[in-house]
Amino acid sequence: MASNSYTPSAPPVPDPYGWGQQAATDSSYPTTAASPSSYYQPPVPAPPSSQSYHGYAPSPLSSSYGQQSPFPPGTNPEVIRIFQAVDKDRSGFVDDGELQQALSSGYQKFSLRTIRLLTFLFKNPHDSSLRLGPKEFSALWNCLGEWHTIFGRFDRDRNGKIDATELRDALYSLGYSVPPSVLHLLVSYYANGSRQKVELNFDSFIECGMIIKGLTEKFKEKDKGYTGSATLSYDTFMSMVLPFLVAYD
């Protein structure tokens, strides 16, 4: 994927609820050949931190799983401890209930709907069960750490929520240039029929962001040249989209 010599600013957000902003058009998003992908941009890395995730101090590596750790090298010992604490049957996997408990230790209590979405996206694709092993759990934990940093960066008024403009900018910084029409659908979903200004907490941010991430990655598999377009059969399209609608509901 070719890189640009500069990073364009994110386009303006649509104004479906009359928030005083000029509605954006699709033409404001990069669609020319100079930008290989109109839907994906290289993510902006989170600033380095000398601290462990969320202030965790390293703890001794537990040997509950034997001499050779099933976790990736360099995994924070506290992440290992949390995984082992909720894996009470020592199966080497955590289900959605155990994952919800584990993430509550380091982030917050996510809704079961979001937990199931995360499990669906991060599980081993060769495992038919909705569960995470040590490697998948570590990958999810690290991803949430990055997204938590981004959420905090764009929660400018520090109220624990982000509005549609902040959502657009946060997704853009993660590498996703979301078209206005798609952003409108996302915002409308969380409006619950209200025409008041919509704000998303971290749980909702993770849910809608992971839907964008998952569908984008699925689309990229078919758009080998990062042109922003692909030809899909009906079966392929349904197989791509339906899991996001039914697998975690």
C-alpha atoms as a PDB file:
ATOM      1  CA  MET A   1       0.000   0.000   0.000  1.00  0.00           C
ATOM      2  CA  ALA A   2       1.544   3.272  -1.103  1.00  0.00           C
ATOM      3  CA  SER A   3       2.025   5.912   1.546  1.00  0.00           C
ATOM      4  CA  ASN A   4       1.206   9.578   1.151  1.00  0.00           C
ATOM      5  CA  SER A   5       3.769  12.279   1.797  1.00  0.00           C
ATOM      6  CA  TYR A   6       1.334  13.926   4.145  1.00  0.00           C
ATOM      7  CA  THR A   7      -1.671  12.987   6.231  1.00  0.00           C
ATOM      8  CA  PRO A   8      -4.823  14.833   5.139  1.00  0.00           C
ATOM      9  CA  SER A   9      -7.113  16.140   7.810  1.00  0.00           C
ATOM     10  CA  ALA A  10     -10.298  14.239   8.392  1.00  0.00           C
ATOM     11  CA  PRO A  11     -13.302  15.478   6.379  1.00  0.00           C
ATOM     12  CA  PRO A  12     -16.234  17.260   8.031  1.00  0.00           C
ATOM     13  CA  VAL A  13     -18.899  15.212   9.767  1.00  0.00           C
ATOM     14  CA  PRO A  14     -22.492  15.119   8.465  1.00  0.00           C
ATOM     15  CA  ASP A  15     -25.118  17.047  10.376  1.00  0.00           C
ATOM     16  CA  PRO A  16     -28.191  14.791  10.562  1.00  0.00           C
ATOM     17  CA  TYR A  17     -29.386  16.316  13.843  1.00  0.00           C
ATOM     18  CA  GLY A  18     -28.930  19.981  13.089  1.00  0.00           C
ATOM     19  CA  TRP A  19     -25.827  20.534  15.187  1.00  0.00           C
ATOM     20  CA  GLY A  20     -24.783  23.605  13.256  1.00  0.00           C
ATOM     21  CA  GLN A  21     -22.272  21.930  10.931  1.00  0.00           C
ATOM     22  CA  GLN A  22     -22.331  21.908   7.151  1.00  0.00           C
ATOM     23  CA  ALA A  23     -23.199  18.452   5.848  1.00  0.00           C
ATOM     24  CA  ALA A  24     -20.243  16.776   4.197  1.00  0.00           C
ATOM     25  CA  THR A  25     -20.313  15.115   0.803  1.00  0.00           C
ATOM     26  CA  ASP A  26     -18.600  11.931  -0.332  1.00  0.00           C
ATOM     27  CA  SER A  27     -16.334  13.961  -2.601  1.00  0.00           C
ATOM     28  CA  SER A  28     -14.485  15.312   0.444  1.00  0.00           C
ATOM     29  CA  TYR A  29     -13.043  11.889   1.112  1.00  0.00           C
ATOM     30  CA  PRO A  30      -9.899  10.703  -0.676  1.00  0.00           C
ATOM     31  CA  THR A  31     -10.978   8.705  -3.726  1.00  0.00           C
ATOM     32  CA  THR A  32      -8.319   9.451  -6.331  1.00  0.00           C
ATOM     33  CA  ALA A  33      -5.610   7.112  -7.539  1.00  0.00           C
ATOM     34  CA  ALA A  34      -3.081   9.042  -5.493  1.00  0.00           C
ATOM     35  CA  SER A  35      -4.762   7.666  -2.393  1.00  0.00           C
ATOM     36  CA  PRO A  36      -4.865   3.860  -2.819  1.00  0.00           C
ATOM     37  CA  SER A  37      -7.736   3.401  -0.388  1.00  0.00           C
ATOM     38  CA  SER A  38     -10.693   5.674   0.220  1.00  0.00           C
ATOM     39  CA  TYR A  39     -11.728   3.694   3.256  1.00  0.00           C
ATOM     40  CA  TYR A  40      -8.447   2.873   4.959  1.00  0.00           C
ATOM     41  CA  GLN A  41      -5.490   5.000   6.014  1.00  0.00           C
ATOM     42  CA  PRO A  42      -2.405   3.929   7.989  1.00  0.00           C
ATOM     43  CA  PRO A  43      -3.276   4.212  11.693  1.00  0.00           C
ATOM     44  CA  VAL A  44      -1.596   6.849  13.787  1.00  0.00           C
ATOM     45  CA  PRO A  45       0.327   4.992  16.517  1.00  0.00           C
ATOM     46  CA  ALA A  46      -0.452   5.772  20.125  1.00  0.00           C
ATOM     47  CA  PRO A  47       2.256   7.676  21.963  1.00  0.00           C
ATOM     48  CA  PRO A  48       4.719   5.402  23.780  1.00  0.00           C
ATOM     49  CA  SER A  49       4.280   4.960  27.482  1.00  0.00           C
ATOM     50  CA  SER A  50       6.775   3.788  30.076  1.00  0.00           C
ATOM     51  CA  GLN A  51       3.960   2.454  32.239  1.00  0.00           C
ATOM     52  CA  SER A  52       2.196  -0.840  32.011  1.00  0.00           C
ATOM     53  CA  TYR A  53      -1.375  -0.889  30.745  1.00  0.00           C
ATOM     54  CA  HIS A  54      -3.544   1.337  32.908  1.00  0.00           C
ATOM     55  CA  GLY A  55      -0.913   1.604  35.622  1.00  0.00           C
ATOM     56  CA  TYR A  56      -0.488  -2.129  36.181  1.00  0.00           C
ATOM     57  CA  ALA A  57       2.796  -3.031  37.798  1.00  0.00           C
ATOM     58  CA  PRO A  58       4.521  -6.171  36.481  1.00  0.00           C
ATOM     59  CA  SER A  59       3.889  -9.258  38.581  1.00  0.00           C
ATOM     60  CA  PRO A  60       5.737 -12.584  38.647  1.00  0.00           C
ATOM     61  CA  LEU A  61       4.859 -14.891  35.763  1.00  0.00           C
ATOM     62  CA  SER A  62       2.536 -17.629  36.932  1.00  0.00           C
ATOM     63  CA  SER A  63       3.443 -21.192  36.029  1.00  0.00           C
ATOM     64  CA  SER A  64      -0.143 -22.434  36.083  1.00  0.00           C
ATOM     65  CA  TYR A  65       0.065 -23.356  32.396  1.00  0.00           C
ATOM     66  CA  GLY A  66       3.389 -25.147  32.593  1.00  0.00           C
ATOM     67  CA  GLN A  67       6.970 -24.162  31.890  1.00  0.00           C
ATOM     68  CA  GLN A  68       6.376 -22.877  28.354  1.00  0.00           C
ATOM     69  CA  SER A  69       3.936 -19.979  28.397  1.00  0.00           C
ATOM     70  CA  PRO A  70       1.169 -20.076  25.762  1.00  0.00           C
ATOM     71  CA  PHE A  71       1.172 -16.270  25.773  1.00  0.00           C
ATOM     72  CA  PRO A  72       3.133 -14.270  23.185  1.00  0.00           C
ATOM     73  CA  PRO A  73       6.651 -13.253  24.274  1.00  0.00           C
ATOM     74  CA  GLY A  74       6.679  -9.983  26.159  1.00  0.00           C
ATOM     75  CA  THR A  75       3.062 -10.240  27.337  1.00  0.00           C
ATOM     76  CA  ASN A  76       2.480  -8.065  30.371  1.00  0.00           C
ATOM     77  CA  PRO A  77       2.485 -10.402  33.415  1.00  0.00           C
ATOM     78  CA  GLU A  78      -0.622  -8.668  34.749  1.00  0.00           C
ATOM     79  CA  VAL A  79      -2.501  -9.592  31.561  1.00  0.00           C
ATOM     80  CA  ILE A  80      -1.464 -13.204  32.109  1.00  0.00           C
ATOM     81  CA  ARG A  81      -2.601 -13.049  35.732  1.00  0.00           C
ATOM     82  CA  ILE A  82      -6.019 -11.673  34.729  1.00  0.00           C
ATOM     83  CA  PHE A  83      -6.503 -14.389  32.110  1.00  0.00           C
ATOM     84  CA  GLN A  84      -5.599 -17.119  34.579  1.00  0.00           C
ATOM     85  CA  ALA A  85      -7.826 -15.620  37.274  1.00  0.00           C
ATOM     86  CA  VAL A  86     -10.967 -15.921  35.122  1.00  0.00           C
ATOM     87  CA  ASP A  87     -10.008 -19.246  33.496  1.00  0.00           C
ATOM     88  CA  LYS A  88     -11.071 -21.140  36.566  1.00  0.00           C
ATOM     89  CA  ASP A  89     -11.435 -24.520  34.846  1.00  0.00           C
ATOM     90  CA  ARG A  90      -7.901 -24.221  33.414  1.00  0.00           C
ATOM     91  CA  SER A  91      -9.192 -24.973  29.929  1.00  0.00           C
ATOM     92  CA  GLY A  92      -6.775 -22.485  28.403  1.00  0.00           C
ATOM     93  CA  PHE A  93      -9.702 -20.487  26.981  1.00  0.00           C
ATOM     94  CA  VAL A  94     -12.111 -17.805  28.161  1.00  0.00           C
ATOM     95  CA  ASP A  95     -15.739 -17.621  27.058  1.00  0.00           C
ATOM     96  CA  ASP A  96     -17.818 -14.451  26.788  1.00  0.00           C
ATOM     97  CA  GLY A  97     -18.740 -14.373  30.480  1.00  0.00           C
ATOM     98  CA  GLU A  98     -15.123 -14.879  31.559  1.00  0.00           C
ATOM     99  CA  LEU A  99     -13.932 -12.288  29.056  1.00  0.00           C
ATOM    100  CA  GLN A 100     -16.436  -9.771  30.390  1.00  0.00           C
ATOM    101  CA  GLN A 101     -15.077 -10.369  33.881  1.00  0.00           C
ATOM    102  CA  ALA A 102     -11.463 -10.102  32.713  1.00  0.00           C
ATOM    103  CA  LEU A 103     -11.918  -6.822  30.865  1.00  0.00           C
ATOM    104  CA  SER A 104     -13.726  -5.365  33.860  1.00  0.00           C
ATOM    105  CA  SER A 105     -10.430  -5.703  35.735  1.00  0.00           C
ATOM    106  CA  GLY A 106      -8.534  -3.464  33.352  1.00  0.00           C
ATOM    107  CA  TYR A 107     -11.035  -1.298  31.500  1.00  0.00           C
ATOM    108  CA  GLN A 108     -14.717  -1.383  32.395  1.00  0.00           C
ATOM    109  CA  LYS A 109     -17.671  -3.756  32.299  1.00  0.00           C
ATOM    110  CA  PHE A 110     -18.580  -4.047  28.635  1.00  0.00           C
ATOM    111  CA  SER A 111     -22.053  -5.071  27.519  1.00  0.00           C
ATOM    112  CA  LEU A 112     -22.412  -8.726  26.589  1.00  0.00           C
ATOM    113  CA  ARG A 113     -23.199  -7.635  23.027  1.00  0.00           C
ATOM    114  CA  THR A 114     -19.833  -5.888  22.741  1.00  0.00           C
ATOM    115  CA  ILE A 115     -18.073  -8.820  24.413  1.00  0.00           C
ATOM    116  CA  ARG A 116     -19.513 -11.244  21.860  1.00  0.00           C
ATOM    117  CA  LEU A 117     -18.473  -8.976  19.013  1.00  0.00           C
ATOM    118  CA  LEU A 118     -14.924  -8.791  20.366  1.00  0.00           C
ATOM    119  CA  THR A 119     -14.817 -12.564  20.773  1.00  0.00           C
ATOM    120  CA  PHE A 120     -16.064 -13.057  17.227  1.00  0.00           C
ATOM    121  CA  LEU A 121     -13.439 -10.702  15.793  1.00  0.00           C
ATOM    122  CA  PHE A 122     -10.436 -11.901  17.797  1.00  0.00           C
ATOM    123  CA  LYS A 123     -11.038 -15.646  18.108  1.00  0.00           C
ATOM    124  CA  ASN A 124      -8.951 -18.159  16.203  1.00  0.00           C
ATOM    125  CA  PRO A 125     -10.649 -18.366  12.774  1.00  0.00           C
ATOM    126  CA  HIS A 126     -10.113 -22.129  12.797  1.00  0.00           C
ATOM    127  CA  ASP A 127     -12.003 -22.497  16.083  1.00  0.00           C
ATOM    128  CA  SER A 128     -15.767 -22.786  15.657  1.00  0.00           C
ATOM    129  CA  SER A 129     -16.360 -21.874  19.316  1.00  0.00           C
ATOM    130  CA  LEU A 130     -16.738 -18.302  20.519  1.00  0.00           C
ATOM    131  CA  ARG A 131     -13.792 -18.278  22.902  1.00  0.00           C
ATOM    132  CA  LEU A 132     -10.313 -16.798  23.178  1.00  0.00           C
ATOM    133  CA  GLY A 133      -7.033 -18.491  23.950  1.00  0.00           C
ATOM    134  CA  PRO A 134      -3.991 -16.747  25.460  1.00  0.00           C
ATOM    135  CA  LYS A 135      -2.717 -15.374  22.147  1.00  0.00           C
ATOM    136  CA  GLU A 136      -6.112 -14.026  21.104  1.00  0.00           C
ATOM    137  CA  PHE A 137      -6.742 -12.572  24.555  1.00  0.00           C
ATOM    138  CA  SER A 138      -3.377 -10.783  24.502  1.00  0.00           C
ATOM    139  CA  ALA A 139      -4.071  -9.366  21.043  1.00  0.00           C
ATOM    140  CA  LEU A 140      -7.475  -8.101  22.177  1.00  0.00           C
ATOM    141  CA  TRP A 141      -6.053  -6.573  25.354  1.00  0.00           C
ATOM    142  CA  ASN A 142      -3.361  -4.720  23.408  1.00  0.00           C
ATOM    143  CA  CYS A 143      -5.874  -3.495  20.841  1.00  0.00           C
ATOM    144  CA  LEU A 144      -8.182  -2.184  23.555  1.00  0.00           C
ATOM    145  CA  GLY A 145      -5.222  -0.396  25.109  1.00  0.00           C
ATOM    146  CA  GLU A 146      -4.582   1.447  21.849  1.00  0.00           C
ATOM    147  CA  TRP A 147      -8.260   2.256  21.346  1.00  0.00           C
ATOM    148  CA  HIS A 148      -8.613   3.424  24.954  1.00  0.00           C
ATOM    149  CA  THR A 149      -5.753   5.862  24.362  1.00  0.00           C
ATOM    150  CA  ILE A 150      -7.428   7.146  21.196  1.00  0.00           C
ATOM    151  CA  PHE A 151     -10.776   7.493  22.973  1.00  0.00           C
ATOM    152  CA  GLY A 152      -9.163   9.556  25.713  1.00  0.00           C
ATOM    153  CA  ARG A 153      -7.384  11.718  23.170  1.00  0.00           C
ATOM    154  CA  PHE A 154     -10.611  12.704  21.424  1.00  0.00           C
ATOM    155  CA  ASP A 155     -12.774  12.951  24.546  1.00  0.00           C
ATOM    156  CA  ARG A 156     -11.692  16.566  24.730  1.00  0.00           C
ATOM    157  CA  ASP A 157     -14.144  17.673  27.397  1.00  0.00           C
ATOM    158  CA  ARG A 158     -13.218  14.621  29.534  1.00  0.00           C
ATOM    159  CA  ASN A 159     -16.814  13.580  30.166  1.00  0.00           C
ATOM    160  CA  GLY A 160     -16.233   9.926  29.280  1.00  0.00           C
ATOM    161  CA  LYS A 161     -18.121  10.261  25.987  1.00  0.00           C
ATOM    162  CA  ILE A 162     -17.440  11.342  22.416  1.00  0.00           C
ATOM    163  CA  ASP A 163     -19.815  12.964  19.957  1.00  0.00           C
ATOM    164  CA  ALA A 164     -20.117  12.349  16.208  1.00  0.00           C
ATOM    165  CA  THR A 165     -17.298  14.740  15.303  1.00  0.00           C
ATOM    166  CA  GLU A 166     -14.974  13.173  17.852  1.00  0.00           C
ATOM    167  CA  LEU A 167     -16.012   9.685  16.693  1.00  0.00           C
ATOM    168  CA  ARG A 168     -15.132  10.547  13.098  1.00  0.00           C
ATOM    169  CA  ASP A 169     -11.746  11.943  14.121  1.00  0.00           C
ATOM    170  CA  ALA A 170     -11.007   8.994  16.406  1.00  0.00           C
ATOM    171  CA  LEU A 171     -11.785   6.453  13.674  1.00  0.00           C
ATOM    172  CA  TYR A 172      -9.699   8.443  11.206  1.00  0.00           C
ATOM    173  CA  SER A 173      -6.715   8.417  13.569  1.00  0.00           C
ATOM    174  CA  LEU A 174      -7.089   4.630  13.779  1.00  0.00           C
ATOM    175  CA  GLY A 175      -6.890   4.433   9.999  1.00  0.00           C
ATOM    176  CA  TYR A 176     -10.557   4.398   8.966  1.00  0.00           C
ATOM    177  CA  SER A 177     -11.848   7.165   6.714  1.00  0.00           C
ATOM    178  CA  VAL A 178     -15.549   6.578   7.234  1.00  0.00           C
ATOM    179  CA  PRO A 179     -17.843   8.052   4.533  1.00  0.00           C
ATOM    180  CA  PRO A 180     -20.475  10.524   5.777  1.00  0.00           C
ATOM    181  CA  SER A 181     -23.320   8.165   4.924  1.00  0.00           C
ATOM    182  CA  VAL A 182     -21.796   5.384   7.027  1.00  0.00           C
ATOM    183  CA  LEU A 183     -21.042   7.758   9.890  1.00  0.00           C
ATOM    184  CA  HIS A 184     -24.659   8.921   9.763  1.00  0.00           C
ATOM    185  CA  LEU A 185     -25.859   5.311  10.088  1.00  0.00           C
ATOM    186  CA  LEU A 186     -23.553   4.689  13.039  1.00  0.00           C
ATOM    187  CA  VAL A 187     -24.682   7.823  14.837  1.00  0.00           C
ATOM    188  CA  SER A 188     -28.352   7.083  14.100  1.00  0.00           C
ATOM    189  CA  TYR A 189     -28.012   3.609  15.606  1.00  0.00           C
ATOM    190  CA  TYR A 190     -27.020   5.069  18.964  1.00  0.00           C
ATOM    191  CA  ALA A 191     -29.616   7.844  18.813  1.00  0.00           C
ATOM    192  CA  ASN A 192     -32.424   5.424  19.760  1.00  0.00           C
ATOM    193  CA  GLY A 193     -34.931   7.566  17.904  1.00  0.00           C
ATOM    194  CA  SER A 194     -33.925  10.750  19.694  1.00  0.00           C
ATOM    195  CA  ARG A 195     -32.927  13.884  17.799  1.00  0.00           C
ATOM    196  CA  GLN A 196     -30.740  15.094  20.618  1.00  0.00           C
ATOM    197  CA  LYS A 197     -26.991  15.240  20.263  1.00  0.00           C
ATOM    198  CA  VAL A 198     -25.615  11.694  20.334  1.00  0.00           C
ATOM    199  CA  GLU A 199     -22.647  10.824  22.517  1.00  0.00           C
ATOM    200  CA  LEU A 200     -20.971   7.432  22.775  1.00  0.00           C
ATOM    201  CA  ASN A 201     -19.336   5.984  25.867  1.00  0.00           C
ATOM    202  CA  PHE A 202     -16.266   3.734  25.580  1.00  0.00           C
ATOM    203  CA  ASP A 203     -18.380   0.578  25.278  1.00  0.00           C
ATOM    204  CA  SER A 204     -20.348   1.985  22.327  1.00  0.00           C
ATOM    205  CA  PHE A 205     -17.177   3.403  20.766  1.00  0.00           C
ATOM    206  CA  ILE A 206     -15.589  -0.047  20.858  1.00  0.00           C
ATOM    207  CA  GLU A 207     -18.705  -1.681  19.422  1.00  0.00           C
ATOM    208  CA  CYS A 208     -19.158   0.644  16.455  1.00  0.00           C
ATOM    209  CA  GLY A 209     -15.405   0.960  15.879  1.00  0.00           C
ATOM    210  CA  MET A 210     -14.914  -2.791  15.828  1.00  0.00           C
ATOM    211  CA  ILE A 211     -17.757  -3.184  13.328  1.00  0.00           C
ATOM    212  CA  ILE A 212     -15.956  -0.706  11.061  1.00  0.00           C
ATOM    213  CA  LYS A 213     -12.638  -2.475  11.638  1.00  0.00           C
ATOM    214  CA  GLY A 214     -14.044  -5.951  11.011  1.00  0.00           C
ATOM    215  CA  LEU A 215     -16.017  -5.082   7.882  1.00  0.00           C
ATOM    216  CA  THR A 216     -13.115  -3.058   6.482  1.00  0.00           C
ATOM    217  CA  GLU A 217     -10.722  -5.958   6.932  1.00  0.00           C
ATOM    218  CA  LYS A 218     -13.204  -8.310   5.263  1.00  0.00           C
ATOM    219  CA  PHE A 219     -13.581  -5.905   2.344  1.00  0.00           C
ATOM    220  CA  LYS A 220      -9.822  -5.470   2.010  1.00  0.00           C
ATOM    221  CA  GLU A 221      -9.526  -9.220   1.478  1.00  0.00           C
ATOM    222  CA  LYS A 222     -11.525  -8.744  -1.749  1.00  0.00           C
ATOM    223  CA  ASP A 223      -9.985  -5.392  -2.706  1.00  0.00           C
ATOM    224  CA  LYS A 224      -6.427  -6.587  -3.235  1.00  0.00           C
ATOM    225  CA  GLY A 225      -5.296  -3.371  -4.891  1.00  0.00           C
ATOM    226  CA  TYR A 226      -6.804  -1.043  -2.261  1.00  0.00           C
ATOM    227  CA  THR A 227      -8.834   0.724  -4.927  1.00  0.00           C
ATOM    228  CA  GLY A 228     -11.909   1.216  -2.746  1.00  0.00           C
ATOM    229  CA  SER A 229     -14.054  -1.080  -4.876  1.00  0.00           C
ATOM    230  CA  ALA A 230     -14.531  -4.818  -5.303  1.00  0.00           C
ATOM    231  CA  THR A 231     -16.814  -7.228  -7.100  1.00  0.00           C
ATOM    232  CA  LEU A 232     -18.620  -9.609  -4.750  1.00  0.00           C
ATOM    233  CA  SER A 233     -21.011 -12.428  -5.374  1.00  0.00           C
ATOM    234  CA  TYR A 234     -24.263 -12.484  -3.441  1.00  0.00           C
ATOM    235  CA  ASP A 235     -23.067 -15.425  -1.343  1.00  0.00           C
ATOM    236  CA  THR A 236     -19.783 -13.708  -0.542  1.00  0.00           C
ATOM    237  CA  PHE A 237     -21.533 -10.492   0.433  1.00  0.00           C
ATOM    238  CA  MET A 238     -23.979 -12.260   2.728  1.00  0.00           C
ATOM    239  CA  SER A 239     -21.202 -14.337   4.304  1.00  0.00           C
ATOM    240  CA  MET A 240     -19.219 -11.169   4.920  1.00  0.00           C
ATOM    241  CA  VAL A 241     -21.958  -9.076   6.517  1.00  0.00           C
ATOM    242  CA  LEU A 242     -24.305 -11.491   8.297  1.00  0.00           C
ATOM    243  CA  PRO A 243     -21.837 -12.607  11.000  1.00  0.00           C
ATOM    244  CA  PHE A 244     -21.738  -9.024  12.267  1.00  0.00           C
ATOM    245  CA  LEU A 245     -25.524  -9.061  12.579  1.00  0.00           C
ATOM    246  CA  VAL A 246     -26.143 -12.478  14.124  1.00  0.00           C
ATOM    247  CA  ALA A 247     -22.935 -13.911  15.598  1.00  0.00           C
ATOM    248  CA  TYR A 248     -22.918 -11.714  18.682  1.00  0.00           C
ATOM    249  CA  ASP A 249     -26.576 -10.777  19.129  1.00  0.00           C
END
